[in-house]
């Protein structure tokens, strides 16, 4: 039998002869029994045995919600990014449209090149007036760019924004010589 001193001044003996090999608290030469802390440890050990597989079940319950949130954030972030890109493309098209001698095809080409560099396809560009160089001094040139979200989504199935169309419009005044 091996012995150790505990924090209360008693001796803690490990009896090699019993089956559980559990420590026994000694006071003087008397055996008092198993300390209360060890009983709690045995109780916790038995609870752990009954919880095998609990983490897998908890993950199975929580993971769909977690993945739904993650993919929702990805979709929303993509929507904001595409909206910003088509806004910039419309602005670049309007800047080209207010220059002297610009045509509808020039404006459409600038917008198309801008969107292609951002890997956005399926956009529709509308320029008003149809020939921007016909706008009068101080008149406005309006460029609208729209793209269906289904053509720019990164996910295979568009749960939240599939039927939405993203649109951006830019209006600039023509400042040519009178």
N, C-alpha and C. Protein backbone atom coordinates (compact mmCIF):
# COMPACT_ATOMS: atom_id res chain seq x y z
N UNK A 1 0.86 -1.16 0.00
CA UNK A 1 0.00 0.00 0.00
C UNK A 1 0.91 1.23 0.00
N UNK A 2 0.70 2.17 -0.94
CA UNK A 2 1.49 3.40 -0.99
C UNK A 2 0.70 4.51 -0.32
N UNK A 3 1.40 5.49 0.27
CA UNK A 3 0.72 6.57 0.98
C UNK A 3 1.23 7.91 0.52
N UNK A 4 0.35 8.93 0.63
CA UNK A 4 0.69 10.33 0.38
C UNK A 4 -0.04 11.15 1.42
N UNK A 5 0.44 12.36 1.67
CA UNK A 5 -0.24 13.27 2.58
C UNK A 5 -1.20 14.14 1.79
N UNK A 6 -2.41 14.35 2.30
CA UNK A 6 -3.35 15.24 1.65
C UNK A 6 -3.25 16.63 2.25
N UNK A 7 -4.06 17.58 1.75
CA UNK A 7 -3.98 18.96 2.20
C UNK A 7 -4.50 19.16 3.61
N UNK A 8 -5.23 18.22 4.18
CA UNK A 8 -5.77 18.34 5.53
C UNK A 8 -4.86 17.70 6.58
N UNK A 9 -3.72 17.21 6.18
CA UNK A 9 -2.80 16.61 7.12
C UNK A 9 -2.99 15.11 7.25
N UNK A 10 -3.97 14.54 6.61
CA UNK A 10 -4.17 13.11 6.68
C UNK A 10 -3.33 12.41 5.63
N UNK A 11 -3.36 11.13 5.66
CA UNK A 11 -2.60 10.37 4.69
C UNK A 11 -3.57 9.75 3.69
N UNK A 12 -3.15 9.78 2.46
CA UNK A 12 -3.95 9.20 1.39
C UNK A 12 -3.24 7.92 0.98
N UNK A 13 -3.90 6.81 1.15
CA UNK A 13 -3.28 5.52 0.85
C UNK A 13 -3.93 4.93 -0.38
N UNK A 14 -3.12 4.30 -1.20
CA UNK A 14 -3.66 3.61 -2.38
C UNK A 14 -3.50 2.13 -2.08
N UNK A 15 -4.64 1.49 -1.97
CA UNK A 15 -4.65 0.08 -1.61
C UNK A 15 -4.54 -0.72 -2.89
N UNK A 16 -3.47 -1.41 -3.06
CA UNK A 16 -3.25 -2.19 -4.27
C UNK A 16 -4.09 -3.43 -4.33
N UNK A 17 -4.71 -3.81 -3.21
CA UNK A 17 -5.44 -5.06 -3.16
C UNK A 17 -6.87 -4.95 -3.63
N UNK A 18 -7.50 -3.76 -3.54
CA UNK A 18 -8.90 -3.71 -3.96
C UNK A 18 -9.01 -3.62 -5.48
N UNK A 19 -10.18 -3.91 -6.02
CA UNK A 19 -10.33 -4.00 -7.47
C UNK A 19 -10.29 -2.66 -8.16
N UNK A 20 -10.81 -1.61 -7.53
CA UNK A 20 -10.86 -0.31 -8.19
C UNK A 20 -9.58 0.47 -8.02
N UNK A 21 -8.70 0.02 -7.12
CA UNK A 21 -7.45 0.71 -6.86
C UNK A 21 -7.71 2.16 -6.51
N UNK A 22 -8.78 2.41 -5.71
CA UNK A 22 -9.15 3.77 -5.35
C UNK A 22 -8.44 4.17 -4.07
N UNK A 23 -8.09 5.45 -3.93
CA UNK A 23 -7.40 5.89 -2.72
C UNK A 23 -8.34 5.83 -1.51
N UNK A 24 -7.76 5.60 -0.34
CA UNK A 24 -8.50 5.55 0.92
C UNK A 24 -7.88 6.58 1.85
N UNK A 25 -8.70 7.41 2.46
CA UNK A 25 -8.23 8.45 3.36
C UNK A 25 -7.95 7.82 4.72
N UNK A 26 -6.75 8.06 5.25
CA UNK A 26 -6.35 7.52 6.56
C UNK A 26 -6.21 8.65 7.56
N UNK A 27 -6.72 8.49 8.79
CA UNK A 27 -6.50 9.41 9.89
C UNK A 27 -5.83 8.59 10.99
N UNK A 28 -4.62 8.91 11.20
CA UNK A 28 -3.88 8.06 12.14
C UNK A 28 -3.69 6.70 11.51
N UNK A 29 -4.25 5.65 12.11
CA UNK A 29 -4.19 4.31 11.54
C UNK A 29 -5.55 3.82 11.10
N UNK A 30 -6.60 4.69 11.14
CA UNK A 30 -7.96 4.26 10.78
C UNK A 30 -8.26 4.60 9.32
N UNK A 31 -8.97 3.74 8.67
CA UNK A 31 -9.45 4.00 7.31
C UNK A 31 -10.77 4.75 7.43
N UNK A 32 -10.87 5.93 6.79
CA UNK A 32 -12.10 6.73 6.85
C UNK A 32 -12.98 6.46 5.65
N UNK A 33 -12.42 6.19 4.50
CA UNK A 33 -13.22 5.92 3.31
C UNK A 33 -12.73 6.76 2.13
N UNK A 34 -13.46 6.73 1.07
CA UNK A 34 -13.09 7.46 -0.14
C UNK A 34 -13.40 8.94 0.04
N UNK A 35 -12.45 9.84 -0.28
CA UNK A 35 -12.70 11.27 -0.15
C UNK A 35 -13.84 11.70 -1.07
N UNK A 36 -14.62 12.75 -0.69
CA UNK A 36 -15.77 13.18 -1.50
C UNK A 36 -15.39 13.61 -2.91
N UNK A 37 -14.23 14.20 -3.10
CA UNK A 37 -13.81 14.63 -4.44
C UNK A 37 -13.68 13.48 -5.40
N UNK A 38 -13.26 12.34 -4.89
CA UNK A 38 -13.11 11.18 -5.77
C UNK A 38 -14.45 10.59 -6.16
N UNK A 39 -15.44 10.72 -5.29
CA UNK A 39 -16.79 10.25 -5.63
C UNK A 39 -17.35 11.07 -6.78
N UNK A 40 -17.11 12.40 -6.73
CA UNK A 40 -17.58 13.27 -7.81
C UNK A 40 -16.88 12.92 -9.11
N UNK A 41 -15.58 12.60 -9.02
CA UNK A 41 -14.84 12.24 -10.22
C UNK A 41 -15.40 10.96 -10.84
N UNK A 42 -15.74 9.99 -10.00
CA UNK A 42 -16.33 8.75 -10.51
C UNK A 42 -17.68 9.03 -11.16
N UNK A 43 -18.45 9.91 -10.55
CA UNK A 43 -19.75 10.26 -11.09
C UNK A 43 -19.60 10.94 -12.45
N UNK A 44 -18.65 11.87 -12.55
CA UNK A 44 -18.42 12.55 -13.83
C UNK A 44 -17.94 11.59 -14.90
N UNK A 45 -17.10 10.63 -14.49
CA UNK A 45 -16.61 9.64 -15.43
C UNK A 45 -17.77 8.82 -16.01
N UNK A 46 -18.73 8.48 -15.16
CA UNK A 46 -19.87 7.71 -15.66
C UNK A 46 -20.75 8.55 -16.57
N UNK A 47 -20.84 9.87 -16.30
CA UNK A 47 -21.61 10.75 -17.19
C UNK A 47 -20.95 10.86 -18.55
N UNK A 48 -19.62 10.89 -18.54
CA UNK A 48 -18.90 10.99 -19.82
C UNK A 48 -19.13 9.75 -20.67
N UNK A 49 -19.22 8.61 -20.04
CA UNK A 49 -19.46 7.39 -20.80
C UNK A 49 -20.82 7.44 -21.50
N UNK A 50 -21.79 8.07 -20.84
CA UNK A 50 -23.13 8.14 -21.42
C UNK A 50 -23.25 9.23 -22.48
N UNK A 51 -22.23 10.07 -22.65
CA UNK A 51 -22.30 11.18 -23.61
C UNK A 51 -21.51 10.89 -24.88
N UNK A 52 -21.15 9.67 -25.11
CA UNK A 52 -20.40 9.36 -26.33
C UNK A 52 -21.27 9.67 -27.54
N UNK A 53 -20.69 10.39 -28.51
CA UNK A 53 -21.41 10.76 -29.72
C UNK A 53 -22.24 12.02 -29.59
N UNK A 54 -22.24 12.64 -28.41
CA UNK A 54 -23.05 13.85 -28.23
C UNK A 54 -22.53 15.00 -29.08
N UNK A 55 -21.22 15.10 -29.22
CA UNK A 55 -20.66 16.18 -30.04
C UNK A 55 -21.08 16.04 -31.50
N UNK A 56 -21.13 14.83 -31.99
CA UNK A 56 -21.54 14.61 -33.38
C UNK A 56 -23.01 14.99 -33.58
N UNK A 57 -23.84 14.67 -32.61
CA UNK A 57 -25.26 15.02 -32.71
C UNK A 57 -25.44 16.53 -32.63
N UNK A 58 -24.71 17.17 -31.72
CA UNK A 58 -24.80 18.63 -31.60
C UNK A 58 -24.33 19.31 -32.87
N UNK A 59 -23.25 18.81 -33.48
CA UNK A 59 -22.78 19.38 -34.74
C UNK A 59 -23.81 19.18 -35.85
N UNK A 60 -24.46 18.02 -35.88
CA UNK A 60 -25.48 17.77 -36.89
C UNK A 60 -26.66 18.72 -36.76
N UNK A 61 -26.95 19.15 -35.55
CA UNK A 61 -28.06 20.08 -35.33
C UNK A 61 -27.65 21.51 -35.68
N UNK A 62 -26.43 21.90 -35.33
CA UNK A 62 -25.99 23.28 -35.49
C UNK A 62 -25.43 23.58 -36.89
N UNK A 63 -24.84 22.58 -37.53
CA UNK A 63 -24.16 22.83 -38.80
C UNK A 63 -25.05 23.38 -39.92
N UNK A 64 -26.30 22.94 -40.10
CA UNK A 64 -27.11 23.55 -41.16
C UNK A 64 -27.31 25.06 -40.97
N UNK A 65 -27.54 25.46 -39.73
CA UNK A 65 -27.72 26.88 -39.45
C UNK A 65 -26.42 27.63 -39.71
N UNK A 66 -25.30 27.05 -39.28
CA UNK A 66 -24.00 27.67 -39.49
C UNK A 66 -23.70 27.85 -40.97
N UNK A 67 -23.91 26.79 -41.76
CA UNK A 67 -23.64 26.88 -43.20
C UNK A 67 -24.61 27.84 -43.90
N UNK A 68 -25.84 27.89 -43.45
CA UNK A 68 -26.80 28.83 -44.01
C UNK A 68 -26.34 30.27 -43.79
N UNK A 69 -25.86 30.56 -42.60
CA UNK A 69 -25.34 31.90 -42.31
C UNK A 69 -24.11 32.22 -43.14
N UNK A 70 -23.20 31.27 -43.25
CA UNK A 70 -21.96 31.51 -44.01
C UNK A 70 -22.28 31.77 -45.48
N UNK A 71 -23.10 30.91 -46.09
CA UNK A 71 -23.42 31.10 -47.50
C UNK A 71 -24.28 32.36 -47.72
N UNK A 72 -25.10 32.71 -46.76
CA UNK A 72 -25.86 33.96 -46.85
C UNK A 72 -24.93 35.17 -46.85
N UNK A 73 -23.90 35.14 -46.02
CA UNK A 73 -22.93 36.25 -46.00
C UNK A 73 -22.16 36.32 -47.30
N UNK A 74 -21.82 35.16 -47.86
CA UNK A 74 -21.11 35.14 -49.15
C UNK A 74 -21.99 35.73 -50.24
N UNK A 75 -23.25 35.33 -50.30
CA UNK A 75 -24.16 35.85 -51.32
C UNK A 75 -24.38 37.36 -51.17
N UNK A 76 -24.57 37.82 -49.95
CA UNK A 76 -24.80 39.24 -49.72
C UNK A 76 -23.54 40.04 -50.08
N UNK A 77 -22.38 39.54 -49.71
CA UNK A 77 -21.13 40.22 -50.07
C UNK A 77 -20.94 40.29 -51.57
N UNK A 78 -21.26 39.22 -52.26
CA UNK A 78 -21.15 39.22 -53.74
C UNK A 78 -22.11 40.23 -54.34
N UNK A 79 -23.34 40.32 -53.80
CA UNK A 79 -24.31 41.27 -54.32
C UNK A 79 -23.80 42.70 -54.17
N UNK A 80 -23.25 43.03 -53.00
CA UNK A 80 -22.74 44.38 -52.77
C UNK A 80 -21.57 44.68 -53.70
N UNK A 81 -20.69 43.69 -53.91
CA UNK A 81 -19.55 43.89 -54.79
C UNK A 81 -20.00 44.13 -56.24
N UNK A 82 -20.94 43.32 -56.72
CA UNK A 82 -21.42 43.48 -58.10
C UNK A 82 -22.14 44.82 -58.25
N UNK A 83 -22.91 45.22 -57.26
CA UNK A 83 -23.60 46.51 -57.32
C UNK A 83 -22.58 47.65 -57.44
N UNK A 84 -21.50 47.57 -56.70
CA UNK A 84 -20.47 48.61 -56.77
C UNK A 84 -19.79 48.61 -58.13
N UNK A 85 -19.53 47.43 -58.68
CA UNK A 85 -18.87 47.35 -59.99
C UNK A 85 -19.76 47.92 -61.08
N UNK A 86 -21.07 47.59 -61.09
CA UNK A 86 -21.92 48.13 -62.16
C UNK A 86 -22.16 49.63 -61.96
N UNK A 87 -22.11 50.12 -60.73
CA UNK A 87 -22.20 51.57 -60.51
C UNK A 87 -20.98 52.26 -61.12
N UNK A 88 -19.81 51.70 -60.90
CA UNK A 88 -18.59 52.28 -61.50
C UNK A 88 -18.61 52.17 -63.02
N UNK A 89 -19.13 51.07 -63.55
CA UNK A 89 -19.21 50.91 -65.00
C UNK A 89 -20.15 51.95 -65.61
N UNK A 90 -21.28 52.20 -64.96
CA UNK A 90 -22.21 53.23 -65.45
C UNK A 90 -21.56 54.61 -65.40
N UNK A 91 -20.79 54.88 -64.35
CA UNK A 91 -20.11 56.18 -64.23
C UNK A 91 -19.06 56.33 -65.33
N UNK A 92 -18.30 55.29 -65.59
CA UNK A 92 -17.29 55.35 -66.66
C UNK A 92 -17.96 55.54 -68.02
N UNK A 93 -19.10 54.86 -68.24
CA UNK A 93 -19.83 55.03 -69.50
C UNK A 93 -20.36 56.46 -69.65
N UNK A 94 -20.85 57.05 -68.56
CA UNK A 94 -21.35 58.43 -68.62
C UNK A 94 -20.20 59.40 -68.87
N UNK A 95 -19.05 59.14 -68.29
CA UNK A 95 -17.88 60.02 -68.55
C UNK A 95 -17.50 59.99 -70.02
N UNK A 96 -17.57 58.81 -70.63
CA UNK A 96 -17.27 58.70 -72.06
C UNK A 96 -18.37 59.37 -72.87
N UNK A 97 -19.62 59.26 -72.42
CA UNK A 97 -20.75 59.81 -73.17
C UNK A 97 -20.80 61.32 -73.21
N UNK A 98 -20.24 62.03 -72.25
CA UNK A 98 -20.30 63.49 -72.26
C UNK A 98 -19.19 64.11 -73.09
N UNK A 99 -18.27 63.31 -73.62
CA UNK A 99 -17.20 63.84 -74.46
C UNK A 99 -17.73 64.14 -75.87
N UNK A 100 -17.11 65.12 -76.53
CA UNK A 100 -17.50 65.46 -77.91
C UNK A 100 -17.24 64.28 -78.84
N UNK A 101 -18.18 64.02 -79.71
CA UNK A 101 -18.04 62.98 -80.73
C UNK A 101 -18.26 61.56 -80.25
N UNK A 102 -18.70 61.37 -79.01
CA UNK A 102 -18.92 59.99 -78.52
C UNK A 102 -20.22 59.43 -79.10
N UNK A 103 -20.22 58.13 -79.28
CA UNK A 103 -21.40 57.45 -79.82
C UNK A 103 -21.92 56.43 -78.80
N UNK A 104 -23.07 55.90 -79.12
CA UNK A 104 -23.67 54.89 -78.26
C UNK A 104 -22.75 53.67 -78.15
N UNK A 105 -22.14 53.26 -79.25
CA UNK A 105 -21.26 52.09 -79.22
C UNK A 105 -20.00 52.36 -78.40
N UNK A 106 -19.50 53.62 -78.43
CA UNK A 106 -18.33 53.95 -77.59
C UNK A 106 -18.66 53.77 -76.11
N UNK A 107 -19.82 54.28 -75.70
CA UNK A 107 -20.24 54.17 -74.31
C UNK A 107 -20.45 52.71 -73.93
N UNK A 108 -21.11 51.95 -74.78
CA UNK A 108 -21.37 50.54 -74.51
C UNK A 108 -20.07 49.75 -74.42
N UNK A 109 -19.10 50.08 -75.26
CA UNK A 109 -17.80 49.40 -75.24
C UNK A 109 -17.06 49.68 -73.93
N UNK A 110 -17.08 50.92 -73.46
CA UNK A 110 -16.42 51.26 -72.20
C UNK A 110 -17.05 50.49 -71.05
N UNK A 111 -18.37 50.46 -71.01
CA UNK A 111 -19.08 49.74 -69.94
C UNK A 111 -18.78 48.25 -70.04
N UNK A 112 -18.82 47.70 -71.24
CA UNK A 112 -18.57 46.27 -71.43
C UNK A 112 -17.15 45.89 -71.01
N UNK A 113 -16.18 46.71 -71.37
CA UNK A 113 -14.79 46.44 -70.99
C UNK A 113 -14.62 46.48 -69.46
N UNK A 114 -15.27 47.43 -68.83
CA UNK A 114 -15.18 47.55 -67.37
C UNK A 114 -15.77 46.32 -66.69
N UNK A 115 -16.93 45.88 -67.18
CA UNK A 115 -17.58 44.71 -66.59
C UNK A 115 -16.82 43.42 -66.88
N UNK A 116 -16.22 43.32 -68.07
CA UNK A 116 -15.44 42.13 -68.42
C UNK A 116 -14.22 42.01 -67.51
N UNK A 117 -13.59 43.14 -67.19
CA UNK A 117 -12.42 43.08 -66.31
C UNK A 117 -12.79 42.61 -64.91
N UNK A 118 -14.05 42.74 -64.52
CA UNK A 118 -14.52 42.28 -63.21
C UNK A 118 -15.23 40.93 -63.30
N UNK A 119 -15.16 40.26 -64.46
CA UNK A 119 -15.80 38.96 -64.68
C UNK A 119 -17.31 38.98 -64.46
N UNK A 120 -17.95 40.04 -64.92
CA UNK A 120 -19.41 40.14 -64.84
C UNK A 120 -19.96 40.05 -66.25
N UNK A 121 -20.85 39.08 -66.46
CA UNK A 121 -21.43 38.88 -67.79
C UNK A 121 -22.94 39.00 -67.70
N UNK A 122 -23.57 39.18 -68.85
CA UNK A 122 -25.03 39.22 -68.91
C UNK A 122 -25.62 40.58 -68.61
N UNK A 123 -24.82 41.64 -68.68
CA UNK A 123 -25.31 42.98 -68.35
C UNK A 123 -25.95 43.63 -69.58
N UNK A 124 -26.89 44.53 -69.31
CA UNK A 124 -27.56 45.30 -70.34
C UNK A 124 -27.25 46.78 -70.10
N UNK A 125 -26.81 47.48 -71.14
CA UNK A 125 -26.47 48.89 -71.02
C UNK A 125 -27.45 49.72 -71.84
N UNK A 126 -27.98 50.78 -71.23
CA UNK A 126 -28.90 51.69 -71.91
C UNK A 126 -28.33 53.09 -71.83
N UNK A 127 -28.24 53.76 -72.98
CA UNK A 127 -27.72 55.13 -73.04
C UNK A 127 -28.83 56.06 -73.51
N UNK A 128 -29.02 57.18 -72.79
CA UNK A 128 -30.02 58.18 -73.17
C UNK A 128 -29.34 59.54 -73.20
N UNK A 129 -29.42 60.28 -74.24
CA UNK A 129 -30.03 60.02 -75.55
C UNK A 129 -29.27 58.94 -76.31
N UNK A 130 -29.92 58.39 -77.32
CA UNK A 130 -29.35 57.27 -78.05
C UNK A 130 -27.99 57.61 -78.63
N UNK A 131 -27.82 58.80 -79.12
CA UNK A 131 -26.51 59.27 -79.59
C UNK A 131 -26.08 60.38 -78.62
N UNK A 132 -25.16 60.12 -77.71
CA UNK A 132 -24.81 61.11 -76.69
C UNK A 132 -24.27 62.43 -77.24
N UNK A 133 -23.66 62.41 -78.42
CA UNK A 133 -23.13 63.66 -78.97
C UNK A 133 -24.25 64.60 -79.43
N UNK A 134 -25.49 64.10 -79.54
CA UNK A 134 -26.62 64.95 -79.89
C UNK A 134 -27.18 65.72 -78.70
N UNK A 135 -26.71 65.41 -77.49
CA UNK A 135 -27.19 66.14 -76.32
C UNK A 135 -26.71 67.58 -76.41
N UNK A 136 -27.56 68.51 -76.01
CA UNK A 136 -27.23 69.93 -76.09
C UNK A 136 -26.26 70.30 -74.97
N UNK A 137 -25.70 71.51 -75.08
CA UNK A 137 -24.82 72.02 -74.04
C UNK A 137 -25.62 72.09 -72.73
N UNK A 138 -25.10 71.48 -71.67
CA UNK A 138 -25.79 71.46 -70.39
C UNK A 138 -26.82 70.35 -70.28
N UNK A 139 -27.08 69.66 -71.38
CA UNK A 139 -28.02 68.53 -71.34
C UNK A 139 -27.38 67.32 -70.65
N UNK A 140 -28.19 66.39 -70.29
CA UNK A 140 -27.67 65.24 -69.55
C UNK A 140 -27.52 64.01 -70.43
N UNK A 141 -26.54 63.22 -70.06
CA UNK A 141 -26.34 61.90 -70.66
C UNK A 141 -26.53 60.89 -69.53
N UNK A 142 -27.44 59.96 -69.74
CA UNK A 142 -27.76 58.97 -68.71
C UNK A 142 -27.33 57.59 -69.20
N UNK A 143 -26.58 56.89 -68.35
CA UNK A 143 -26.16 55.52 -68.66
C UNK A 143 -26.67 54.62 -67.55
N UNK A 144 -27.45 53.61 -67.95
CA UNK A 144 -27.98 52.62 -66.99
C UNK A 144 -27.41 51.26 -67.31
N UNK A 145 -26.98 50.57 -66.27
CA UNK A 145 -26.45 49.21 -66.42
C UNK A 145 -27.25 48.30 -65.49
N UNK A 146 -27.75 47.22 -66.04
CA UNK A 146 -28.49 46.26 -65.22
C UNK A 146 -28.00 44.85 -65.52
N UNK A 147 -28.01 44.03 -64.48
CA UNK A 147 -27.57 42.65 -64.62
C UNK A 147 -28.43 41.78 -63.69
N UNK A 148 -28.95 40.65 -64.20
CA UNK A 148 -29.70 39.75 -63.32
C UNK A 148 -28.72 39.08 -62.35
N UNK A 149 -29.10 39.02 -61.08
CA UNK A 149 -28.20 38.47 -60.09
C UNK A 149 -27.90 36.99 -60.35
N UNK A 150 -28.82 36.30 -60.97
CA UNK A 150 -28.60 34.87 -61.24
C UNK A 150 -27.39 34.64 -62.14
N UNK A 151 -27.01 35.63 -62.95
CA UNK A 151 -25.86 35.44 -63.84
C UNK A 151 -24.54 35.81 -63.18
N UNK A 152 -24.56 36.37 -61.97
CA UNK A 152 -23.30 36.74 -61.31
C UNK A 152 -23.12 36.06 -59.96
N UNK A 153 -24.07 35.24 -59.55
CA UNK A 153 -23.97 34.56 -58.26
C UNK A 153 -22.89 33.49 -58.30
N UNK A 154 -22.21 33.29 -57.18
CA UNK A 154 -21.20 32.24 -57.08
C UNK A 154 -21.79 30.90 -56.68
N UNK A 155 -22.98 30.91 -56.12
CA UNK A 155 -23.60 29.66 -55.70
C UNK A 155 -24.41 29.06 -56.84
N UNK A 156 -24.50 27.75 -56.90
CA UNK A 156 -25.22 27.12 -58.01
C UNK A 156 -26.72 27.40 -58.00
N UNK A 157 -27.30 27.51 -56.82
CA UNK A 157 -28.73 27.81 -56.73
C UNK A 157 -28.89 29.08 -55.91
N UNK A 158 -29.60 30.05 -56.47
CA UNK A 158 -29.75 31.34 -55.81
C UNK A 158 -30.96 31.31 -54.88
N UNK A 159 -30.69 31.07 -53.61
CA UNK A 159 -31.78 30.95 -52.64
C UNK A 159 -32.45 32.30 -52.38
N UNK A 160 -31.64 33.33 -52.12
CA UNK A 160 -32.18 34.58 -51.62
C UNK A 160 -32.37 35.63 -52.72
N UNK A 161 -31.43 35.76 -53.62
CA UNK A 161 -31.43 36.87 -54.56
C UNK A 161 -31.56 36.43 -56.01
N UNK A 162 -32.03 35.23 -56.25
CA UNK A 162 -32.07 34.67 -57.60
C UNK A 162 -32.87 35.47 -58.60
N UNK A 163 -34.00 36.05 -58.23
CA UNK A 163 -34.85 36.76 -59.18
C UNK A 163 -34.58 38.27 -59.18
N UNK A 164 -33.63 38.72 -58.40
CA UNK A 164 -33.36 40.15 -58.30
C UNK A 164 -32.48 40.62 -59.46
N UNK A 165 -32.76 41.83 -59.94
CA UNK A 165 -31.94 42.47 -60.96
C UNK A 165 -31.23 43.66 -60.35
N UNK A 166 -29.92 43.67 -60.48
CA UNK A 166 -29.13 44.78 -59.95
C UNK A 166 -29.03 45.86 -61.03
N UNK A 167 -29.30 47.10 -60.65
CA UNK A 167 -29.32 48.21 -61.61
C UNK A 167 -28.55 49.39 -61.05
N UNK A 168 -27.79 50.05 -61.92
CA UNK A 168 -27.08 51.27 -61.54
C UNK A 168 -27.25 52.28 -62.66
N UNK A 169 -27.43 53.54 -62.29
CA UNK A 169 -27.62 54.61 -63.25
C UNK A 169 -26.69 55.76 -62.91
N UNK A 170 -26.09 56.34 -63.94
CA UNK A 170 -25.23 57.50 -63.76
C UNK A 170 -25.68 58.59 -64.74
N UNK A 171 -25.81 59.81 -64.22
CA UNK A 171 -26.24 60.95 -65.04
C UNK A 171 -25.16 62.02 -64.95
N UNK A 172 -24.70 62.49 -66.13
CA UNK A 172 -23.70 63.57 -66.17
C UNK A 172 -24.14 64.62 -67.18
N UNK A 173 -23.77 65.87 -66.91
CA UNK A 173 -24.06 66.97 -67.83
C UNK A 173 -23.00 67.06 -68.90
N UNK A 174 -23.50 67.35 -70.06
CA UNK A 174 -22.58 67.52 -71.19
C UNK A 174 -21.99 68.92 -71.12
N UNK A 175 -20.67 69.00 -71.18
CA UNK A 175 -19.99 70.29 -71.06
C UNK A 175 -19.16 70.58 -72.31
N UNK A 176 -19.80 70.49 -73.45
CA UNK A 176 -19.09 70.78 -74.69
C UNK A 176 -19.15 72.27 -75.00
N UNK A 177 -18.37 72.68 -75.96
CA UNK A 177 -18.35 74.08 -76.37
C UNK A 177 -19.65 74.37 -77.10
N UNK A 178 -20.22 75.59 -76.83
CA UNK A 178 -21.49 75.95 -77.47
C UNK A 178 -21.37 76.25 -78.91
